Amino acid sequence: MRISSDKVNKLAHTVADALAEIDECDFLEDRNTIRQEARKALEKLLTEETKLDANARQKIASQRKVIPEGSQEWDILYRKYYNDEVKKLGL
């Protein structure tokens, strides 16, 4: 799923704010650095998710018969192939 840059930034702010509210959590860097690192981590996760999605879709497209997106069969195969891709990453 593609998320806009503004939404990723908002999520990164939310993460930094949530961490700041935890008493057991002390920042060794300033809050902006924490936010930037959270943003990088979120962008990396979203990039990986995009690759997983593309791989699952490619596997469905390579089937002998045409499986229309949105059909029950397509949904079942998508979940199966997506989960297979996740397992390959060891997640």
N, C-alpha and C. Protein backbone atom coordinates (compact mmCIF):
# COMPACT_ATOMS: atom_id res chain seq x y z
N MET A 1 0.85 -1.17 0.00
CA MET A 1 0.00 0.00 0.00
C MET A 1 0.90 1.23 0.00
N ARG A 2 0.58 2.14 -0.84
CA ARG A 2 1.37 3.37 -0.93
C ARG A 2 0.78 4.41 0.01
N ILE A 3 1.62 4.97 0.87
CA ILE A 3 1.20 6.00 1.82
C ILE A 3 1.95 7.28 1.47
N SER A 4 1.25 8.38 1.53
CA SER A 4 1.86 9.65 1.17
C SER A 4 2.98 10.02 2.14
N SER A 5 3.85 10.85 1.67
CA SER A 5 4.98 11.33 2.48
C SER A 5 4.49 12.04 3.74
N ASP A 6 3.41 12.81 3.62
CA ASP A 6 2.86 13.51 4.78
C ASP A 6 2.37 12.53 5.84
N LYS A 7 1.74 11.44 5.40
CA LYS A 7 1.23 10.46 6.35
C LYS A 7 2.36 9.72 7.05
N VAL A 8 3.42 9.41 6.31
CA VAL A 8 4.59 8.76 6.92
C VAL A 8 5.20 9.70 7.95
N ASN A 9 5.29 10.98 7.62
CA ASN A 9 5.83 11.97 8.54
C ASN A 9 4.97 12.06 9.80
N LYS A 10 3.65 12.05 9.63
CA LYS A 10 2.74 12.11 10.77
C LYS A 10 2.91 10.88 11.66
N LEU A 11 3.05 9.71 11.05
CA LEU A 11 3.29 8.49 11.82
C LEU A 11 4.61 8.57 12.59
N ALA A 12 5.64 9.10 11.95
CA ALA A 12 6.94 9.23 12.61
C ALA A 12 6.84 10.17 13.80
N HIS A 13 6.10 11.25 13.66
CA HIS A 13 5.88 12.17 14.79
C HIS A 13 5.14 11.46 15.92
N THR A 14 4.14 10.67 15.57
CA THR A 14 3.36 9.94 16.56
C THR A 14 4.25 8.95 17.31
N VAL A 15 5.12 8.26 16.59
CA VAL A 15 6.05 7.31 17.23
C VAL A 15 6.97 8.05 18.20
N ALA A 16 7.56 9.15 17.75
CA ALA A 16 8.47 9.91 18.61
C ALA A 16 7.73 10.44 19.83
N ASP A 17 6.52 10.93 19.65
CA ASP A 17 5.73 11.43 20.78
C ASP A 17 5.40 10.32 21.76
N ALA A 18 5.02 9.16 21.23
CA ALA A 18 4.68 8.02 22.10
C ALA A 18 5.89 7.56 22.90
N LEU A 19 7.05 7.53 22.25
CA LEU A 19 8.27 7.14 22.97
C LEU A 19 8.63 8.15 24.04
N ALA A 20 8.42 9.42 23.76
CA ALA A 20 8.74 10.47 24.74
C ALA A 20 7.87 10.37 25.99
N GLU A 21 6.67 9.83 25.86
CA GLU A 21 5.76 9.71 26.99
C GLU A 21 6.07 8.51 27.89
N ILE A 22 6.91 7.60 27.43
CA ILE A 22 7.26 6.43 28.23
C ILE A 22 8.36 6.81 29.21
N ASP A 23 8.08 6.65 30.49
CA ASP A 23 9.03 7.05 31.53
C ASP A 23 10.35 6.29 31.43
N GLU A 24 10.29 5.03 31.06
CA GLU A 24 11.49 4.20 30.99
C GLU A 24 12.33 4.47 29.74
N CYS A 25 11.85 5.33 28.87
CA CYS A 25 12.52 5.61 27.60
C CYS A 25 13.22 6.97 27.67
N ASP A 26 14.54 6.94 27.58
CA ASP A 26 15.32 8.18 27.56
C ASP A 26 15.96 8.33 26.19
N PHE A 27 15.85 9.53 25.63
CA PHE A 27 16.43 9.79 24.32
C PHE A 27 17.90 10.18 24.48
N LEU A 28 18.75 9.54 23.69
CA LEU A 28 20.16 9.91 23.64
C LEU A 28 20.40 10.97 22.57
N GLU A 29 19.43 11.11 21.70
CA GLU A 29 19.48 12.11 20.63
C GLU A 29 18.28 13.04 20.79
N ASP A 30 18.28 14.12 20.04
CA ASP A 30 17.13 15.03 20.11
C ASP A 30 15.91 14.39 19.45
N ARG A 31 14.76 14.93 19.75
CA ARG A 31 13.49 14.35 19.28
C ARG A 31 13.39 14.31 17.75
N ASN A 32 13.93 15.30 17.09
CA ASN A 32 13.88 15.33 15.64
C ASN A 32 14.68 14.18 15.02
N THR A 33 15.81 13.84 15.61
CA THR A 33 16.61 12.72 15.14
C THR A 33 15.84 11.41 15.31
N ILE A 34 15.15 11.29 16.44
CA ILE A 34 14.33 10.10 16.69
C ILE A 34 13.22 10.01 15.63
N ARG A 35 12.59 11.14 15.35
CA ARG A 35 11.52 11.17 14.35
C ARG A 35 12.06 10.77 12.98
N GLN A 36 13.23 11.28 12.62
CA GLN A 36 13.82 10.95 11.32
C GLN A 36 14.14 9.46 11.21
N GLU A 37 14.65 8.88 12.29
CA GLU A 37 14.94 7.44 12.29
C GLU A 37 13.66 6.62 12.20
N ALA A 38 12.62 7.07 12.87
CA ALA A 38 11.32 6.38 12.79
C ALA A 38 10.80 6.46 11.36
N ARG A 39 10.97 7.60 10.74
CA ARG A 39 10.53 7.77 9.35
C ARG A 39 11.29 6.82 8.42
N LYS A 40 12.60 6.72 8.60
CA LYS A 40 13.41 5.81 7.78
C LYS A 40 12.95 4.36 7.96
N ALA A 41 12.68 3.97 9.21
CA ALA A 41 12.22 2.60 9.49
C ALA A 41 10.86 2.35 8.84
N LEU A 42 9.96 3.31 8.93
CA LEU A 42 8.64 3.16 8.32
C LEU A 42 8.75 3.06 6.79
N GLU A 43 9.59 3.89 6.21
CA GLU A 43 9.76 3.85 4.75
C GLU A 43 10.34 2.52 4.31
N LYS A 44 11.28 1.99 5.09
CA LYS A 44 11.87 0.69 4.76
C LYS A 44 10.81 -0.41 4.82
N LEU A 45 9.98 -0.39 5.87
CA LEU A 45 8.91 -1.38 6.00
C LEU A 45 7.91 -1.28 4.85
N LEU A 46 7.56 -0.06 4.47
CA LEU A 46 6.61 0.13 3.38
C LEU A 46 7.20 -0.33 2.04
N THR A 47 8.49 -0.13 1.85
CA THR A 47 9.15 -0.59 0.63
C THR A 47 9.14 -2.11 0.57
N GLU A 48 9.44 -2.75 1.70
CA GLU A 48 9.41 -4.21 1.75
C GLU A 48 8.01 -4.75 1.49
N GLU A 49 7.01 -4.08 2.06
CA GLU A 49 5.63 -4.51 1.87
C GLU A 49 5.23 -4.39 0.40
N THR A 50 5.70 -3.35 -0.26
CA THR A 50 5.41 -3.17 -1.68
C THR A 50 6.01 -4.31 -2.50
N LYS A 51 7.22 -4.73 -2.14
CA LYS A 51 7.87 -5.85 -2.83
C LYS A 51 7.10 -7.15 -2.60
N LEU A 52 6.66 -7.38 -1.35
CA LEU A 52 5.90 -8.58 -1.05
C LEU A 52 4.62 -8.62 -1.87
N ASP A 53 3.94 -7.49 -1.92
CA ASP A 53 2.70 -7.38 -2.68
C ASP A 53 2.95 -7.67 -4.16
N ALA A 54 3.98 -7.07 -4.72
CA ALA A 54 4.29 -7.26 -6.14
C ALA A 54 4.63 -8.72 -6.43
N ASN A 55 5.38 -9.36 -5.55
CA ASN A 55 5.73 -10.77 -5.75
C ASN A 55 4.50 -11.66 -5.71
N ALA A 56 3.61 -11.41 -4.75
CA ALA A 56 2.38 -12.20 -4.65
C ALA A 56 1.52 -12.01 -5.90
N ARG A 57 1.39 -10.78 -6.35
CA ARG A 57 0.60 -10.50 -7.55
C ARG A 57 1.21 -11.15 -8.79
N GLN A 58 2.54 -11.15 -8.87
CA GLN A 58 3.23 -11.76 -10.01
C GLN A 58 2.97 -13.27 -10.05
N LYS A 59 2.99 -13.90 -8.89
CA LYS A 59 2.73 -15.34 -8.84
C LYS A 59 1.31 -15.66 -9.31
N ILE A 60 0.36 -14.82 -8.93
CA ILE A 60 -1.01 -15.04 -9.37
C ILE A 60 -1.12 -14.83 -10.88
N ALA A 61 -0.46 -13.80 -11.39
CA ALA A 61 -0.51 -13.50 -12.81
C ALA A 61 0.14 -14.61 -13.65
N SER A 62 1.08 -15.35 -13.06
CA SER A 62 1.79 -16.38 -13.81
C SER A 62 1.03 -17.72 -13.85
N GLN A 63 -0.14 -17.76 -13.23
CA GLN A 63 -0.95 -18.98 -13.27
C GLN A 63 -1.40 -19.26 -14.70
N ARG A 64 -1.64 -20.52 -15.00
CA ARG A 64 -2.10 -20.88 -16.35
C ARG A 64 -3.41 -20.22 -16.70
N LYS A 65 -4.37 -20.32 -15.78
CA LYS A 65 -5.67 -19.72 -16.08
C LYS A 65 -5.72 -18.30 -15.52
N VAL A 66 -6.51 -17.49 -16.13
CA VAL A 66 -6.67 -16.10 -15.69
C VAL A 66 -7.56 -16.11 -14.45
N ILE A 67 -7.05 -15.50 -13.39
CA ILE A 67 -7.80 -15.41 -12.13
C ILE A 67 -8.10 -13.93 -11.91
N PRO A 68 -9.37 -13.56 -12.02
CA PRO A 68 -9.70 -12.14 -11.88
C PRO A 68 -9.49 -11.62 -10.46
N GLU A 69 -8.85 -10.46 -10.37
CA GLU A 69 -8.63 -9.83 -9.07
C GLU A 69 -9.98 -9.52 -8.43
N GLY A 70 -10.06 -9.80 -7.13
CA GLY A 70 -11.30 -9.56 -6.41
C GLY A 70 -12.14 -10.82 -6.25
N SER A 71 -11.80 -11.85 -7.04
CA SER A 71 -12.54 -13.11 -6.89
C SER A 71 -12.06 -13.82 -5.63
N GLN A 72 -12.87 -14.74 -5.17
CA GLN A 72 -12.51 -15.49 -3.96
C GLN A 72 -11.21 -16.26 -4.16
N GLU A 73 -11.05 -16.87 -5.33
CA GLU A 73 -9.83 -17.62 -5.63
C GLU A 73 -8.61 -16.71 -5.61
N TRP A 74 -8.75 -15.51 -6.19
CA TRP A 74 -7.64 -14.56 -6.21
C TRP A 74 -7.25 -14.17 -4.78
N ASP A 75 -8.26 -13.87 -3.96
CA ASP A 75 -8.00 -13.48 -2.57
C ASP A 75 -7.28 -14.57 -1.80
N ILE A 76 -7.71 -15.82 -1.99
CA ILE A 76 -7.08 -16.95 -1.30
C ILE A 76 -5.63 -17.10 -1.74
N LEU A 77 -5.41 -17.05 -3.05
CA LEU A 77 -4.04 -17.18 -3.56
C LEU A 77 -3.16 -16.02 -3.11
N TYR A 78 -3.73 -14.81 -3.12
CA TYR A 78 -2.96 -13.64 -2.71
C TYR A 78 -2.48 -13.81 -1.26
N ARG A 79 -3.40 -14.18 -0.37
CA ARG A 79 -3.01 -14.38 1.03
C ARG A 79 -1.95 -15.46 1.16
N LYS A 80 -2.12 -16.56 0.43
CA LYS A 80 -1.16 -17.65 0.49
C LYS A 80 0.22 -17.19 0.01
N TYR A 81 0.26 -16.59 -1.17
CA TYR A 81 1.55 -16.16 -1.73
C TYR A 81 2.18 -15.04 -0.92
N TYR A 82 1.37 -14.13 -0.42
CA TYR A 82 1.89 -13.03 0.40
C TYR A 82 2.52 -13.60 1.67
N ASN A 83 1.81 -14.53 2.33
CA ASN A 83 2.34 -15.16 3.55
C ASN A 83 3.61 -15.96 3.25
N ASP A 84 3.66 -16.61 2.08
CA ASP A 84 4.88 -17.33 1.69
C ASP A 84 6.06 -16.36 1.57
N GLU A 85 5.82 -15.19 0.98
CA GLU A 85 6.87 -14.19 0.83
C GLU A 85 7.33 -13.67 2.20
N VAL A 86 6.40 -13.48 3.11
CA VAL A 86 6.73 -13.03 4.46
C VAL A 86 7.61 -14.08 5.14
N LYS A 87 7.25 -15.35 4.99
CA LYS A 87 8.02 -16.43 5.61
C LYS A 87 9.43 -16.49 5.06
N LYS A 88 9.59 -16.20 3.76
CA LYS A 88 10.93 -16.17 3.16
C LYS A 88 11.83 -15.16 3.85
N LEU A 89 11.23 -14.06 4.31
CA LEU A 89 11.99 -13.03 5.00
C LEU A 89 12.27 -13.39 6.46
N GLY A 90 11.60 -14.43 6.93
CA GLY A 90 11.79 -14.86 8.31
C GLY A 90 11.00 -14.02 9.30
N LEU A 91 9.92 -13.45 8.85
CA LEU A 91 9.09 -12.62 9.75
C LEU A 91 7.96 -13.41 10.32
